[in-house]
């Protein structure tokens, strides 16, 4: 059985896998991320295709149905949240990592009337994919390593993510956080 995510298309945006169209290479070369998130732009332009080939991650483009512009992109991959539950006992929680998530600043500039692109993408594309996958395999949570910006942390809280208690957060930062996400804040939500 093949799970087709294109059925998630909305009136305004369509969801497209990074490899779905030859034009996507040109479109991602024009993608711009705001000030402190240049790693997200670099990932899309220089690493995403290699991660696709190696089955490390899946990257999706959210495209404006009228103009064909990329409004946003996100990457998903499987993961585990390893938590210390007792002094020497650990528990692993099956999850999906939202490993990359960025709005195209060029799209925002061209379409100032379109508001809340990130929240829209999360509600209509990311959550439905995660919930669909949870029906077929054991997944109980969705997590992200957020850039340590108060505005961004608050935005993710509005989307339903929470930070862990300091002791658990420190454990995750010390034991399971990828080098790529160093300095970022672990946040999670139950599906």
Protein backbone atom coordinates (compact mmCIF):
# COMPACT_ATOMS: atom_id res chain seq x y z
CA UNK A 1 0.00 0.00 0.00
CA UNK A 2 1.30 3.46 -0.90
CA UNK A 3 0.30 6.37 1.28
CA UNK A 4 -0.19 9.39 -0.98
CA UNK A 5 0.11 12.74 0.77
CA UNK A 6 -0.95 14.88 -2.20
CA UNK A 7 -4.53 14.40 -0.99
CA UNK A 8 -3.60 16.91 1.71
CA UNK A 9 -3.63 19.76 -0.81
CA UNK A 10 -5.73 22.73 0.27
CA UNK A 11 -7.41 25.50 -1.74
CA UNK A 12 -4.35 27.72 -1.44
CA UNK A 13 -1.36 25.36 -1.23
CA UNK A 14 -0.23 22.01 -2.52
CA UNK A 15 2.22 19.63 -0.91
CA UNK A 16 5.01 18.27 -3.04
CA UNK A 17 7.85 15.93 -2.23
CA UNK A 18 11.25 17.50 -2.96
CA UNK A 19 11.94 15.03 -5.80
CA UNK A 20 8.49 15.27 -7.43
CA UNK A 21 9.32 17.87 -10.06
CA UNK A 22 12.46 18.92 -11.95
CA UNK A 23 11.50 22.59 -11.41
CA UNK A 24 11.97 22.17 -7.65
CA UNK A 25 15.75 22.46 -7.96
CA UNK A 26 15.37 26.00 -9.34
CA UNK A 27 12.69 26.86 -6.79
CA UNK A 28 14.81 25.82 -3.82
CA UNK A 29 17.75 27.85 -5.14
CA UNK A 30 15.50 30.94 -4.71
CA UNK A 31 14.38 30.00 -1.16
CA UNK A 32 15.36 32.55 1.51
CA UNK A 33 15.22 32.11 5.26
CA UNK A 34 15.25 34.97 7.76
CA UNK A 35 18.24 36.21 9.73
CA UNK A 36 19.27 33.59 12.32
CA UNK A 37 18.10 30.51 10.44
CA UNK A 38 20.64 30.29 7.63
CA UNK A 39 21.27 26.63 8.54
CA UNK A 40 17.72 25.85 7.40
CA UNK A 41 18.36 27.50 4.03
CA UNK A 42 21.70 25.72 3.70
CA UNK A 43 20.06 22.38 4.50
CA UNK A 44 17.42 22.78 1.79
CA UNK A 45 19.89 23.93 -0.85
CA UNK A 46 22.86 21.68 -0.07
CA UNK A 47 21.87 18.63 2.00
CA UNK A 48 18.20 17.74 1.52
CA UNK A 49 18.65 15.87 -1.76
CA UNK A 50 21.51 13.79 -0.35
CA UNK A 51 19.41 12.96 2.72
CA UNK A 52 16.60 11.88 0.39
CA UNK A 53 18.92 9.54 -1.50
CA UNK A 54 20.22 8.02 1.75
CA UNK A 55 16.70 7.67 3.24
CA UNK A 56 17.71 9.83 6.21
CA UNK A 57 14.90 12.36 5.84
CA UNK A 58 11.95 13.33 3.65
CA UNK A 59 11.58 16.95 2.64
CA UNK A 60 8.33 18.48 1.43
CA UNK A 61 7.65 21.76 -0.32
CA UNK A 62 4.44 23.70 0.31
CA UNK A 63 3.70 25.48 -2.96
CA UNK A 64 1.27 28.26 -3.81
CA UNK A 65 -1.26 26.69 -6.20
CA UNK A 66 -1.67 29.89 -8.19
CA UNK A 67 1.92 31.11 -8.57
CA UNK A 68 3.87 27.86 -8.11
CA UNK A 69 6.18 29.57 -5.59
CA UNK A 70 7.50 27.66 -2.59
CA UNK A 71 5.92 29.18 0.51
CA UNK A 72 7.45 26.86 3.07
CA UNK A 73 9.33 23.61 3.47
CA UNK A 74 9.66 20.96 6.14
CA UNK A 75 11.55 17.72 6.67
CA UNK A 76 10.42 14.69 8.64
CA UNK A 77 12.30 11.65 9.87
CA UNK A 78 11.77 8.90 12.37
CA UNK A 79 13.29 9.12 15.79
CA UNK A 80 13.16 8.11 19.41
CA UNK A 81 12.92 10.26 22.48
CA UNK A 82 15.08 8.64 25.14
CA UNK A 83 14.12 9.81 28.60
CA UNK A 84 15.53 9.01 31.99
CA UNK A 85 12.61 7.84 34.11
CA UNK A 86 14.54 6.72 37.19
CA UNK A 87 18.12 7.16 38.35
CA UNK A 88 19.43 4.43 36.05
CA UNK A 89 16.36 3.53 33.99
CA UNK A 90 15.61 4.84 30.53
CA UNK A 91 12.56 4.68 28.34
CA UNK A 92 12.39 5.21 24.59
CA UNK A 93 9.33 6.84 23.09
CA UNK A 94 8.71 6.33 19.35
CA UNK A 95 8.37 9.65 17.56
CA UNK A 96 8.73 11.69 14.39
CA UNK A 97 11.25 14.50 14.27
CA UNK A 98 10.28 17.68 12.50
CA UNK A 99 13.92 18.17 11.60
CA UNK A 100 13.60 21.24 9.38
CA UNK A 101 10.80 23.77 9.12
CA UNK A 102 11.09 27.18 7.46
CA UNK A 103 8.96 29.76 5.70
CA UNK A 104 10.30 31.30 2.51
CA UNK A 105 11.00 34.98 3.22
CA UNK A 106 10.90 35.70 -0.52
CA UNK A 107 7.34 34.34 -0.61
CA UNK A 108 6.39 36.45 2.43
CA UNK A 109 7.77 39.55 0.72
CA UNK A 110 5.88 38.82 -2.50
CA UNK A 111 2.62 38.00 -0.66
CA UNK A 112 2.29 40.12 2.49
CA UNK A 113 -1.44 39.41 2.53
CA UNK A 114 -0.80 35.72 3.31
CA UNK A 115 -0.44 35.39 7.08
CA UNK A 116 0.41 32.47 9.33
CA UNK A 117 2.10 30.27 6.71
CA UNK A 118 4.01 28.25 9.31
CA UNK A 119 0.96 27.55 11.49
CA UNK A 120 -1.10 26.74 8.38
CA UNK A 121 1.57 24.31 7.14
CA UNK A 122 1.75 22.66 10.55
CA UNK A 123 -2.03 22.23 10.85
CA UNK A 124 -2.84 21.14 7.29
CA UNK A 125 0.30 19.24 6.25
CA UNK A 126 2.68 18.23 9.06
CA UNK A 127 0.16 17.04 11.66
CA UNK A 128 -1.93 15.06 9.15
CA UNK A 129 1.17 13.24 7.87
CA UNK A 130 2.32 12.44 11.42
CA UNK A 131 -1.15 11.23 12.44
CA UNK A 132 -1.49 9.16 9.28
CA UNK A 133 1.85 7.46 9.91
CA UNK A 134 0.87 6.84 13.54
CA UNK A 135 -2.01 4.69 12.24
CA UNK A 136 0.47 2.36 10.51
CA UNK A 137 3.49 2.31 12.81
CA UNK A 138 4.09 2.99 16.49
CA UNK A 139 4.51 6.74 16.86
CA UNK A 140 3.31 8.62 19.89
CA UNK A 141 4.99 12.02 19.64
CA UNK A 142 6.26 14.71 17.33
CA UNK A 143 9.36 16.66 18.34
CA UNK A 144 11.54 19.49 17.16
CA UNK A 145 14.82 21.11 18.12
CA UNK A 146 13.84 24.79 17.93
CA UNK A 147 16.22 27.66 17.45
CA UNK A 148 16.69 29.34 20.84
CA UNK A 149 14.68 32.46 20.02
CA UNK A 150 11.91 33.43 22.42
CA UNK A 151 9.53 34.41 19.61
CA UNK A 152 10.04 31.05 17.90
CA UNK A 153 9.71 29.06 21.14
CA UNK A 154 6.42 30.85 21.85
CA UNK A 155 5.25 30.13 18.30
CA UNK A 156 5.90 26.41 18.76
CA UNK A 157 4.06 26.50 22.09
CA UNK A 158 1.02 27.88 20.24
CA UNK A 159 1.31 24.92 17.86
CA UNK A 160 1.08 22.52 20.82
CA UNK A 161 4.75 21.81 21.57
CA UNK A 162 6.02 21.90 25.15
CA UNK A 163 9.43 22.00 26.74
CA UNK A 164 10.40 19.27 29.14
CA UNK A 165 11.26 19.86 32.79
CA UNK A 166 14.86 21.17 33.06
CA UNK A 167 16.33 17.85 34.25
CA UNK A 168 14.81 15.88 31.35
CA UNK A 169 15.73 18.58 28.83
CA UNK A 170 19.33 18.53 30.05
CA UNK A 171 19.40 14.73 29.73
CA UNK A 172 18.20 14.88 26.12
CA UNK A 173 20.64 17.67 25.28
CA UNK A 174 23.50 15.62 26.70
CA UNK A 175 22.57 12.17 25.36
CA UNK A 176 20.51 12.33 22.19
CA UNK A 177 20.63 15.74 20.52
CA UNK A 178 22.26 15.63 17.08
CA UNK A 179 25.32 17.84 16.56
CA UNK A 180 23.36 19.65 13.83
CA UNK A 181 20.91 20.90 16.49
CA UNK A 182 23.47 22.07 19.03
CA UNK A 183 22.19 25.10 20.92
CA UNK A 184 18.58 24.37 19.98
CA UNK A 185 15.71 23.75 22.39
CA UNK A 186 14.00 20.34 22.47
CA UNK A 187 10.20 20.58 22.28
CA UNK A 188 7.62 17.80 21.97
CA UNK A 189 3.93 17.14 21.58
CA UNK A 190 1.85 13.99 21.89
CA UNK A 191 0.00 12.90 18.78
